[in-house]
Amino acid sequence: MTPAVSPPTIPRLQNGDTLDGDEFMLRYEAMPDVKKAELIEGVVYIMSSPLRADVHGDPHAELMGWLWSYRLRTPNVRVSDNATVRLGRRNVPQPDASMRIVRGGRATLNAHGYIEGGPELVAEVAASSVSIDRNAKFRAYRDEGVREYVLWRVEEGEIDWFILRDGQYVALPLGEEGILRSEFYPGLWLDPAAMTGLDAERVHEVLLQGIASPEHAAFVERMRQATP
């Protein structure tokens, strides 16, 4: 009898491994015990430490609520929570939040259900400006054409909103009354001071003002035309 051949063992991901996107996904899918791992500029980062409510859990929930409220009133957009995104051979991040155009956008779902290509907006909760989110991920999102990048630096009490212009990220300027207004998603307005202060009522109030704008109404009409 021919002896049984054992299937090859898939190596586990290790922090600092240098891999391409295909090998990274093969190993990641073989490690259900790992809840979050990312490939940024060809380097593996495994997020395995407990998450504190004050520096991550609560801010993350506030971001998701803000984006979900916009999605609720805007057809043809989809919000994802911690979904793996295949940006290219060297970048497979798992952003805290992302929002994409479903039909006619840059990103699609591949055969395995992963987001393929850059969503129009990604958002991350970071401890500080020295984190991977402000450095390696900043470059990865920029180089892969993500249109807008929202970064909440919790310990510093700041929110950075970057927009892509001529291949470079530039800071979205504060508008009247200290409001940030998305250039890609009309009506996606944010009071950063209210968000960092966890003032959900004010955050929602400002978003509703944006949703009531003529620009959002025109965007909704375009999105409806894209929806079969």
Protein backbone atom coordinates (compact mmCIF):
# COMPACT_ATOMS: atom_id res chain seq x y z
CA MET A 1 0.00 0.00 0.00
CA THR A 2 1.14 3.51 -0.74
CA PRO A 3 1.74 5.33 2.53
CA ALA A 4 -0.50 8.34 3.16
CA VAL A 5 1.14 11.64 2.45
CA SER A 6 0.51 14.33 5.03
CA PRO A 7 -0.52 17.71 3.63
CA PRO A 8 2.21 20.34 3.83
CA THR A 9 2.19 22.39 7.00
CA ILE A 10 1.36 26.05 6.41
CA PRO A 11 3.78 28.24 8.38
CA ARG A 12 2.24 30.58 10.92
CA LEU A 13 2.41 34.32 10.44
CA GLN A 14 5.04 36.03 12.52
CA ASN A 15 5.47 39.74 13.21
CA GLY A 16 8.06 41.12 10.82
CA ASP A 17 7.68 38.40 8.16
CA THR A 18 8.28 39.69 4.63
CA LEU A 19 5.63 38.22 2.32
CA ASP A 20 3.57 38.96 -0.75
CA GLY A 21 -0.21 39.27 -0.59
CA ASP A 22 -1.00 35.73 -1.74
CA GLU A 23 1.27 34.06 0.81
CA PHE A 24 0.03 36.38 3.54
CA MET A 25 -3.60 35.46 2.88
CA LEU A 26 -2.79 31.74 2.73
CA ARG A 27 -1.20 31.86 6.18
CA TYR A 28 -3.78 34.26 7.66
CA GLU A 29 -6.71 32.06 6.63
CA ALA A 30 -4.95 29.09 8.25
CA MET A 31 -4.79 30.91 11.61
CA PRO A 32 -8.39 31.36 12.87
CA ASP A 33 -7.02 32.15 16.33
CA VAL A 34 -5.53 35.41 15.03
CA LYS A 35 -8.20 38.11 14.97
CA LYS A 36 -6.25 40.83 13.17
CA ALA A 37 -3.15 40.69 11.00
CA GLU A 38 -2.07 43.06 8.27
CA LEU A 39 0.49 43.19 5.48
CA ILE A 40 1.81 46.73 5.13
CA GLU A 41 4.51 47.50 2.58
CA GLY A 42 5.33 43.79 2.48
CA VAL A 43 5.76 43.42 6.26
CA VAL A 44 3.45 41.41 8.56
CA TYR A 45 1.92 43.08 11.61
CA ILE A 46 -0.12 40.95 14.04
CA MET A 47 -2.41 42.79 16.44
CA SER A 48 -2.81 40.37 19.33
CA SER A 49 -2.93 42.56 22.44
CA PRO A 50 -6.17 43.30 24.36
CA LEU A 51 -8.05 46.42 23.26
CA ARG A 52 -8.78 49.13 25.81
CA ALA A 53 -12.16 50.84 25.66
CA ASP A 54 -10.81 54.35 26.14
CA VAL A 55 -8.16 54.35 23.42
CA HIS A 56 -9.79 52.07 20.89
CA GLY A 57 -13.13 50.41 21.63
CA ASP A 58 -15.16 53.56 22.31
CA PRO A 59 -13.63 55.70 19.53
CA HIS A 60 -14.08 52.83 17.08
CA ALA A 61 -17.77 52.57 17.94
CA GLU A 62 -18.20 56.34 17.47
CA LEU A 63 -16.59 56.19 14.01
CA MET A 64 -18.76 53.26 12.96
CA GLY A 65 -21.92 55.00 14.15
CA TRP A 66 -21.05 58.15 12.18
CA LEU A 67 -20.33 56.25 8.96
CA TRP A 68 -23.34 53.95 9.36
CA SER A 69 -25.65 56.96 9.79
CA TYR A 70 -24.36 58.36 6.49
CA ARG A 71 -24.75 55.01 4.77
CA LEU A 72 -28.33 54.76 6.06
CA ARG A 73 -29.26 57.86 4.05
CA THR A 74 -27.06 57.31 1.02
CA PRO A 75 -27.78 54.53 -1.49
CA ASN A 76 -25.06 52.50 -3.20
CA VAL A 77 -22.51 52.87 -0.40
CA ARG A 78 -21.37 50.17 2.02
CA VAL A 79 -19.58 50.45 5.36
CA SER A 80 -17.31 47.65 6.61
CA ASP A 81 -15.96 47.03 10.10
CA ASN A 82 -12.44 45.55 10.27
CA ALA A 83 -12.71 43.95 6.81
CA THR A 84 -9.53 42.78 5.11
CA VAL A 85 -8.70 44.82 2.01
CA ARG A 86 -6.43 43.52 -0.75
CA LEU A 87 -4.82 46.69 -2.04
CA GLY A 88 -1.96 45.06 -3.93
CA ARG A 89 0.84 42.53 -3.67
CA ARG A 90 2.51 44.31 -0.74
CA ASN A 91 -0.48 45.77 1.14
CA VAL A 92 -3.34 43.83 2.73
CA PRO A 93 -4.58 46.02 5.60
CA GLN A 94 -7.58 45.49 7.84
CA PRO A 95 -8.77 49.05 8.50
CA ASP A 96 -10.94 49.78 11.52
CA ALA A 97 -13.60 51.12 9.16
CA SER A 98 -14.02 51.60 5.43
CA MET A 99 -16.70 52.94 3.12
CA ARG A 100 -16.96 52.13 -0.56
CA ILE A 101 -19.18 52.69 -3.57
CA VAL A 102 -20.88 49.37 -4.33
CA ARG A 103 -21.55 49.84 -8.07
CA GLY A 104 -19.16 51.97 -10.03
CA GLY A 105 -16.56 52.34 -7.26
CA ARG A 106 -12.89 51.41 -7.13
CA ALA A 107 -13.30 48.44 -4.81
CA THR A 108 -15.09 45.15 -5.43
CA LEU A 109 -15.61 41.89 -3.54
CA ASN A 110 -13.50 39.02 -4.84
CA ALA A 111 -14.58 35.39 -5.03
CA HIS A 112 -13.57 34.85 -1.38
CA GLY A 113 -15.59 37.82 -0.11
CA TYR A 114 -12.61 40.10 0.54
CA ILE A 115 -12.53 43.71 -0.59
CA GLU A 116 -10.29 44.02 -3.64
CA GLY A 117 -8.93 47.48 -4.44
CA GLY A 118 -8.99 50.66 -2.42
CA PRO A 119 -12.27 51.80 -0.85
CA GLU A 120 -12.97 55.47 -1.38
CA LEU A 121 -12.58 56.11 2.37
CA VAL A 122 -10.81 54.31 5.20
CA ALA A 123 -10.67 55.25 8.89
CA GLU A 124 -8.30 54.14 11.62
CA VAL A 125 -8.12 54.63 15.38
CA ALA A 126 -4.51 55.13 16.47
CA ALA A 127 -2.90 55.68 19.84
CA SER A 128 -0.62 58.49 18.62
CA SER A 129 1.16 60.06 15.66
CA VAL A 130 4.06 57.59 15.94
CA SER A 131 1.87 54.57 15.18
CA ILE A 132 1.86 52.40 12.08
CA ASP A 133 -1.43 54.05 11.10
CA ARG A 134 0.26 57.44 10.67
CA ASN A 135 3.37 56.15 8.93
CA ALA A 136 3.43 52.83 7.03
CA LYS A 137 -0.34 52.66 6.54
CA PHE A 138 -0.45 56.32 5.54
CA ARG A 139 1.98 55.54 2.71
CA ALA A 140 0.17 52.33 1.75
CA TYR A 141 -3.25 53.97 1.50
CA ARG A 142 -1.79 56.91 -0.40
CA ASP A 143 0.18 54.80 -2.85
CA GLU A 144 -2.77 52.48 -3.52
CA GLY A 145 -5.11 55.37 -4.31
CA VAL A 146 -7.46 55.46 -1.31
CA ARG A 147 -9.24 58.77 -1.84
CA GLU A 148 -9.75 59.82 1.78
CA TYR A 149 -8.11 58.68 5.00
CA VAL A 150 -9.52 59.58 8.42
CA LEU A 151 -7.08 59.04 11.31
CA TRP A 152 -8.15 59.53 14.93
CA ARG A 153 -5.09 59.98 17.16
CA VAL A 154 -6.77 59.26 20.46
CA GLU A 155 -4.04 60.07 22.97
CA GLU A 156 -3.43 63.41 21.28
CA GLY A 157 -7.14 64.21 20.93
CA GLU A 158 -6.81 64.94 17.21
CA ILE A 159 -8.48 63.76 14.01
CA ASP A 160 -6.59 64.04 10.73
CA TRP A 161 -8.55 63.82 7.48
CA PHE A 162 -6.37 63.38 4.42
CA ILE A 163 -7.52 63.70 0.81
CA LEU A 164 -5.64 62.44 -2.23
CA ARG A 165 -4.49 65.14 -4.65
CA ASP A 166 -2.02 64.49 -7.44
CA GLY A 167 -0.85 61.29 -5.77
CA GLN A 168 -0.21 62.92 -2.38
CA TYR A 169 -2.24 63.18 0.81
CA VAL A 170 -3.04 66.70 1.96
CA ALA A 171 -4.94 67.66 5.09
CA LEU A 172 -8.61 68.48 4.57
CA PRO A 173 -9.01 72.04 5.86
CA LEU A 174 -11.47 72.93 8.58
CA GLY A 175 -14.45 74.79 7.21
CA GLU A 176 -16.92 77.13 8.84
CA GLU A 177 -17.70 76.41 12.50
CA GLY A 178 -14.76 74.00 12.63
CA ILE A 179 -16.44 71.40 10.43
CA LEU A 180 -14.64 68.89 8.19
CA ARG A 181 -16.49 68.18 4.95
CA SER A 182 -15.65 65.21 2.75
CA GLU A 183 -14.76 66.05 -0.83
CA PHE A 184 -15.63 62.62 -2.20
CA TYR A 185 -18.76 61.85 -0.15
CA PRO A 186 -20.94 64.98 -0.25
CA GLY A 187 -22.72 65.52 3.04
CA LEU A 188 -20.27 63.50 5.13
CA TRP A 189 -19.58 66.25 7.63
CA LEU A 190 -17.74 65.93 10.93
CA ASP A 191 -17.18 68.13 13.95
CA PRO A 192 -13.79 66.71 15.04
CA ALA A 193 -13.90 68.38 18.45
CA ALA A 194 -17.26 66.76 19.15
CA MET A 195 -16.03 63.38 17.94
CA THR A 196 -12.88 63.40 20.08
CA GLY A 197 -15.00 64.55 23.02
CA LEU A 198 -17.42 61.63 22.42
CA ASP A 199 -20.27 64.13 22.01
CA ALA A 200 -22.44 61.83 19.91
CA GLU A 201 -25.39 64.21 19.84
CA ARG A 202 -23.33 67.01 18.27
CA VAL A 203 -21.63 64.60 15.82
CA HIS A 204 -25.04 63.39 14.66
CA GLU A 205 -26.41 66.94 14.45
CA VAL A 206 -23.57 68.05 12.15
CA LEU A 207 -23.91 64.95 9.99
CA LEU A 208 -27.63 65.62 9.55
CA GLN A 209 -26.79 69.14 8.40
CA GLY A 210 -24.52 67.67 5.75
CA ILE A 211 -27.13 65.15 4.69
CA ALA A 212 -29.63 68.01 4.28
CA SER A 213 -27.30 69.86 1.89
CA PRO A 214 -28.04 70.20 -1.84
CA GLU A 215 -24.71 68.50 -2.59
CA HIS A 216 -25.81 65.36 -0.76
CA ALA A 217 -29.17 65.37 -2.53
CA ALA A 218 -27.40 65.49 -5.91
CA PHE A 219 -25.04 62.68 -4.83
CA VAL A 220 -27.98 60.54 -3.71
CA GLU A 221 -29.56 60.95 -7.12
CA ARG A 222 -26.37 59.82 -8.85
CA MET A 223 -26.09 56.83 -6.53
CA ARG A 224 -29.72 55.86 -7.19
CA GLN A 225 -29.06 55.86 -10.91
CA ALA A 226 -26.19 53.44 -10.31
CA THR A 227 -28.44 51.07 -8.34
CA PRO A 228 -30.38 48.57 -10.53
